[in-house]
Amino acid sequence: MGTKQENKITVKIKCEINELCTILEKKGFYVVNKFTLNDIFMIPNYMKKEIDNLTSREILKKQF
């Protein structure tokens, strides 16, 4: 089975979305479609203490 290729990425931003759009527009990008998405991830309470001090990358690598 082959690997599916996609042209999407997920990023975590540290500014307002409007500021990000302005920066990207100045770099030659333009808005094709704009929408809002809320991602909610939930974990059992017993895992909270274990992952509080981990980075996102460490959490994704960890096998619980």
C-alpha atoms as a PDB file:
ATOM      1  CA  MET A   1       0.000   0.000   0.000  1.00  0.00           C
ATOM      2  CA  GLY A   2       1.427   3.394  -0.978  1.00  0.00           C
ATOM      3  CA  THR A   3       1.709   6.487   1.156  1.00  0.00           C
ATOM      4  CA  LYS A   4      -0.923   9.155   0.586  1.00  0.00           C
ATOM      5  CA  GLN A   5       0.597  12.543  -0.242  1.00  0.00           C
ATOM      6  CA  GLU A   6      -1.226  15.662   0.953  1.00  0.00           C
ATOM      7  CA  ASN A   7      -0.462  19.357   0.664  1.00  0.00           C
ATOM      8  CA  LYS A   8      -1.704  20.299   4.135  1.00  0.00           C
ATOM      9  CA  ILE A   9       0.183  21.124   7.306  1.00  0.00           C
ATOM     10  CA  THR A  10      -0.875  21.863  10.868  1.00  0.00           C
ATOM     11  CA  VAL A  11       0.841  24.700  12.704  1.00  0.00           C
ATOM     12  CA  LYS A  12       0.579  26.208  16.153  1.00  0.00           C
ATOM     13  CA  ILE A  13       0.684  30.003  16.005  1.00  0.00           C
ATOM     14  CA  LYS A  14       1.579  32.442  18.757  1.00  0.00           C
ATOM     15  CA  CYS A  15      -0.184  35.491  17.355  1.00  0.00           C
ATOM     16  CA  GLU A  16      -3.701  36.456  16.343  1.00  0.00           C
ATOM     17  CA  ILE A  17      -4.950  34.858  13.131  1.00  0.00           C
ATOM     18  CA  ASN A  18      -5.384  38.269  11.477  1.00  0.00           C
ATOM     19  CA  GLU A  19      -1.737  39.089  12.185  1.00  0.00           C
ATOM     20  CA  LEU A  20      -0.657  35.782  10.643  1.00  0.00           C
ATOM     21  CA  CYS A  21      -2.759  36.484   7.523  1.00  0.00           C
ATOM     22  CA  THR A  22      -1.169  39.931   7.180  1.00  0.00           C
ATOM     23  CA  ILE A  23       2.347  38.476   7.457  1.00  0.00           C
ATOM     24  CA  LEU A  24       1.608  35.792   4.868  1.00  0.00           C
ATOM     25  CA  GLU A  25      -0.046  38.272   2.475  1.00  0.00           C
ATOM     26  CA  LYS A  26       3.096  40.440   2.643  1.00  0.00           C
ATOM     27  CA  LYS A  27       5.072  37.329   1.627  1.00  0.00           C
ATOM     28  CA  GLY A  28       2.948  36.768  -1.486  1.00  0.00           C
ATOM     29  CA  PHE A  29       0.205  34.456  -0.225  1.00  0.00           C
ATOM     30  CA  TYR A  30      -3.510  35.144  -0.552  1.00  0.00           C
ATOM     31  CA  VAL A  31      -6.638  33.820   1.173  1.00  0.00           C
ATOM     32  CA  VAL A  32      -8.454  31.180  -0.863  1.00  0.00           C
ATOM     33  CA  ASN A  33     -10.887  30.025   1.813  1.00  0.00           C
ATOM     34  CA  LYS A  34     -11.334  31.058   5.428  1.00  0.00           C
ATOM     35  CA  PHE A  35     -13.112  29.023   8.100  1.00  0.00           C
ATOM     36  CA  THR A  36     -13.001  28.384  11.839  1.00  0.00           C
ATOM     37  CA  LEU A  37     -12.194  25.018  13.367  1.00  0.00           C
ATOM     38  CA  ASN A  38     -12.053  24.095  17.030  1.00  0.00           C
ATOM     39  CA  ASP A  39     -10.030  20.976  17.834  1.00  0.00           C
ATOM     40  CA  ILE A  40     -10.662  19.508  21.266  1.00  0.00           C
ATOM     41  CA  PHE A  41      -8.498  16.733  22.618  1.00  0.00           C
ATOM     42  CA  MET A  42      -9.443  15.039  25.872  1.00  0.00           C
ATOM     43  CA  ILE A  43      -7.479  12.629  28.046  1.00  0.00           C
ATOM     44  CA  PRO A  44      -8.342  10.662  31.176  1.00  0.00           C
ATOM     45  CA  ASN A  45      -7.655  12.501  34.462  1.00  0.00           C
ATOM     46  CA  TYR A  46      -4.976   9.999  35.504  1.00  0.00           C
ATOM     47  CA  MET A  47      -2.805  11.027  32.533  1.00  0.00           C
ATOM     48  CA  LYS A  48      -2.821  14.770  33.288  1.00  0.00           C
ATOM     49  CA  LYS A  49       0.007  14.741  35.846  1.00  0.00           C
ATOM     50  CA  GLU A  50       2.125  12.585  33.560  1.00  0.00           C
ATOM     51  CA  ILE A  51       1.941  14.915  30.550  1.00  0.00           C
ATOM     52  CA  ASP A  52       1.800  18.373  32.176  1.00  0.00           C
ATOM     53  CA  ASN A  53       5.534  18.954  31.774  1.00  0.00           C
ATOM     54  CA  LEU A  54       5.965  17.413  28.308  1.00  0.00           C
ATOM     55  CA  THR A  55       6.126  19.248  24.995  1.00  0.00           C
ATOM     56  CA  SER A  56       3.630  18.440  22.229  1.00  0.00           C
ATOM     57  CA  ARG A  57       6.323  16.480  20.388  1.00  0.00           C
ATOM     58  CA  GLU A  58       7.145  14.416  23.497  1.00  0.00           C
ATOM     59  CA  ILE A  59       3.462  13.667  24.061  1.00  0.00           C
ATOM     60  CA  LEU A  60       3.012  12.473  20.474  1.00  0.00           C
ATOM     61  CA  LYS A  61       6.096  10.201  20.722  1.00  0.00           C
ATOM     62  CA  LYS A  62       5.029   8.725  24.056  1.00  0.00           C
ATOM     63  CA  GLN A  63       3.194   5.420  24.194  1.00  0.00           C
ATOM     64  CA  PHE A  64       0.758   5.202  27.090  1.00  0.00           C
END
